[in-house]
Structure formats: C-alpha cells, structure tokens
Amino acid sequence: MEHKKIEIFGNTQSLSILMYLIDHSGCTKTDLYQEVVRNSRMPDKLNVLEKAGLIHQVQDGRSTRLYITSKGLEVAKYLFEIEDILHKP
C-alpha cells in the first residue's frame, strides 16, 4: 500500500487552527495568534487551509475574520472520529 502525505496537515498548527475555528468561527487573526499560533508563518498556514476550502478569510475593516467552512466542519468531524478510535482500548 502506497502512503500519501497529507500536505494540508503537514504540521500540527494547521490542525490546531482548524480545531480552534470549530468553536471560534468568525474570530480575528489576532485572536487566533493570541490563542493558538504564535508563529510568523501563520498567514501561510491560513492561505493553505483556505485554498483547500476548509476556512474562509474575510476582511472586516482593518481586521481579517476567519470562518470554518462546511467542508472544514466535515473534515473536523472525521478528525474527531479518528481521535475516538485512537483512544479506544
């Protein structure tokens, strides 16, 4: 069986961003930076997630708001299912 790399989730910060947005959809980039990702490459990570259709970035005056998409919610649902499987005895 050939193993394929999951490019979008090549680092845990992308997963953390997606999981944070489940409960904080509509937060600003600043909120995300303060709560989850303290990394200067955060805009790159957000662009990758947006290109994959998992989040949407909306300019709101001087701030950028981040929203999880229906596709992002679906992916998150599967990630939670995987986590449940991993925690089974």
Protein backbone atom coordinates (compact mmCIF):
# COMPACT_ATOMS: atom_id res chain seq x y z
CA MET A 1 0.00 0.00 0.00
CA GLU A 2 1.40 3.37 -1.00
CA HIS A 3 1.44 6.04 1.70
CA LYS A 4 0.43 9.54 0.68
CA LYS A 5 1.43 12.60 2.63
CA ILE A 6 -1.40 14.82 3.76
CA GLU A 7 0.05 18.16 2.70
CA ILE A 8 -2.54 20.38 4.36
CA PHE A 9 -1.87 18.90 7.79
CA GLY A 10 1.88 18.65 7.42
CA ASN A 11 2.20 20.36 10.78
CA THR A 12 0.14 20.32 13.94
CA GLN A 13 -0.51 24.05 13.83
CA SER A 14 -2.80 23.64 10.83
CA LEU A 15 -4.80 21.07 12.80
CA SER A 16 -4.88 23.38 15.81
CA ILE A 17 -6.15 26.26 13.67
CA LEU A 18 -8.95 24.15 12.20
CA MET A 19 -9.98 22.77 15.60
CA TYR A 20 -9.94 26.26 17.17
CA LEU A 21 -12.22 27.60 14.44
CA ILE A 22 -14.87 24.96 15.19
CA ASP A 23 -15.80 26.87 18.34
CA HIS A 24 -14.48 30.30 17.33
CA SER A 25 -15.60 30.78 13.73
CA GLY A 26 -15.60 34.50 12.99
CA CYS A 27 -12.61 35.25 15.23
CA THR A 28 -9.90 37.59 14.02
CA LYS A 29 -6.39 36.64 13.00
CA THR A 30 -5.23 38.44 16.14
CA ASP A 31 -7.47 36.23 18.30
CA LEU A 32 -6.04 33.14 16.63
CA TYR A 33 -2.48 34.36 17.06
CA GLN A 34 -3.01 35.05 20.76
CA GLU A 35 -4.81 31.77 21.49
CA VAL A 36 -3.29 29.17 19.16
CA VAL A 37 -0.48 30.02 16.77
CA ARG A 38 2.40 32.26 17.76
CA ASN A 39 4.25 31.86 14.52
CA SER A 40 5.19 34.39 11.86
CA ARG A 41 4.15 31.86 9.19
CA MET A 42 0.53 31.82 10.33
CA PRO A 43 -0.68 33.71 7.21
CA ASP A 44 0.87 30.99 5.03
CA LYS A 45 -0.91 28.28 7.02
CA LEU A 46 -4.22 30.14 6.74
CA ASN A 47 -3.78 30.52 2.99
CA VAL A 48 -3.18 26.76 2.61
CA LEU A 49 -6.31 25.98 4.64
CA GLU A 50 -8.32 28.49 2.61
CA LYS A 51 -7.03 27.13 -0.70
CA ALA A 52 -8.17 23.67 0.43
CA GLY A 53 -11.63 25.09 1.13
CA LEU A 54 -11.50 24.43 4.88
CA ILE A 55 -11.64 28.06 6.03
CA HIS A 56 -12.62 31.42 4.59
CA GLN A 57 -10.89 34.73 5.35
CA VAL A 58 -12.98 37.91 5.23
CA GLN A 59 -11.61 41.44 5.52
CA ASP A 60 -13.57 43.37 8.16
CA GLY A 61 -12.23 46.91 8.26
CA ARG A 62 -8.65 46.64 9.50
CA SER A 63 -9.14 43.08 10.78
CA THR A 64 -9.43 39.76 8.99
CA ARG A 65 -12.09 37.39 10.28
CA LEU A 66 -11.69 33.64 9.93
CA TYR A 67 -14.59 31.27 9.31
CA ILE A 68 -14.63 27.50 9.12
CA THR A 69 -16.46 26.24 6.02
CA SER A 70 -18.89 23.34 5.77
CA LYS A 71 -16.05 21.34 4.21
CA GLY A 72 -13.84 22.28 7.16
CA LEU A 73 -16.53 21.12 9.59
CA GLU A 74 -16.82 17.82 7.75
CA VAL A 75 -13.05 17.26 7.89
CA ALA A 76 -13.06 18.16 11.60
CA LYS A 77 -15.82 15.63 12.22
CA TYR A 78 -13.61 12.90 10.74
CA LEU A 79 -10.65 14.07 12.79
CA PHE A 80 -12.72 13.71 15.97
CA GLU A 81 -13.76 10.22 14.87
CA ILE A 82 -10.09 9.30 14.33
CA GLU A 83 -9.26 10.64 17.78
CA ASP A 84 -12.03 8.49 19.28
CA ILE A 85 -10.65 5.40 17.52
CA LEU A 86 -7.16 6.13 18.82
CA HIS A 87 -8.42 6.35 22.41
CA LYS A 88 -10.24 3.01 22.33
CA PRO A 89 -8.57 0.22 24.28
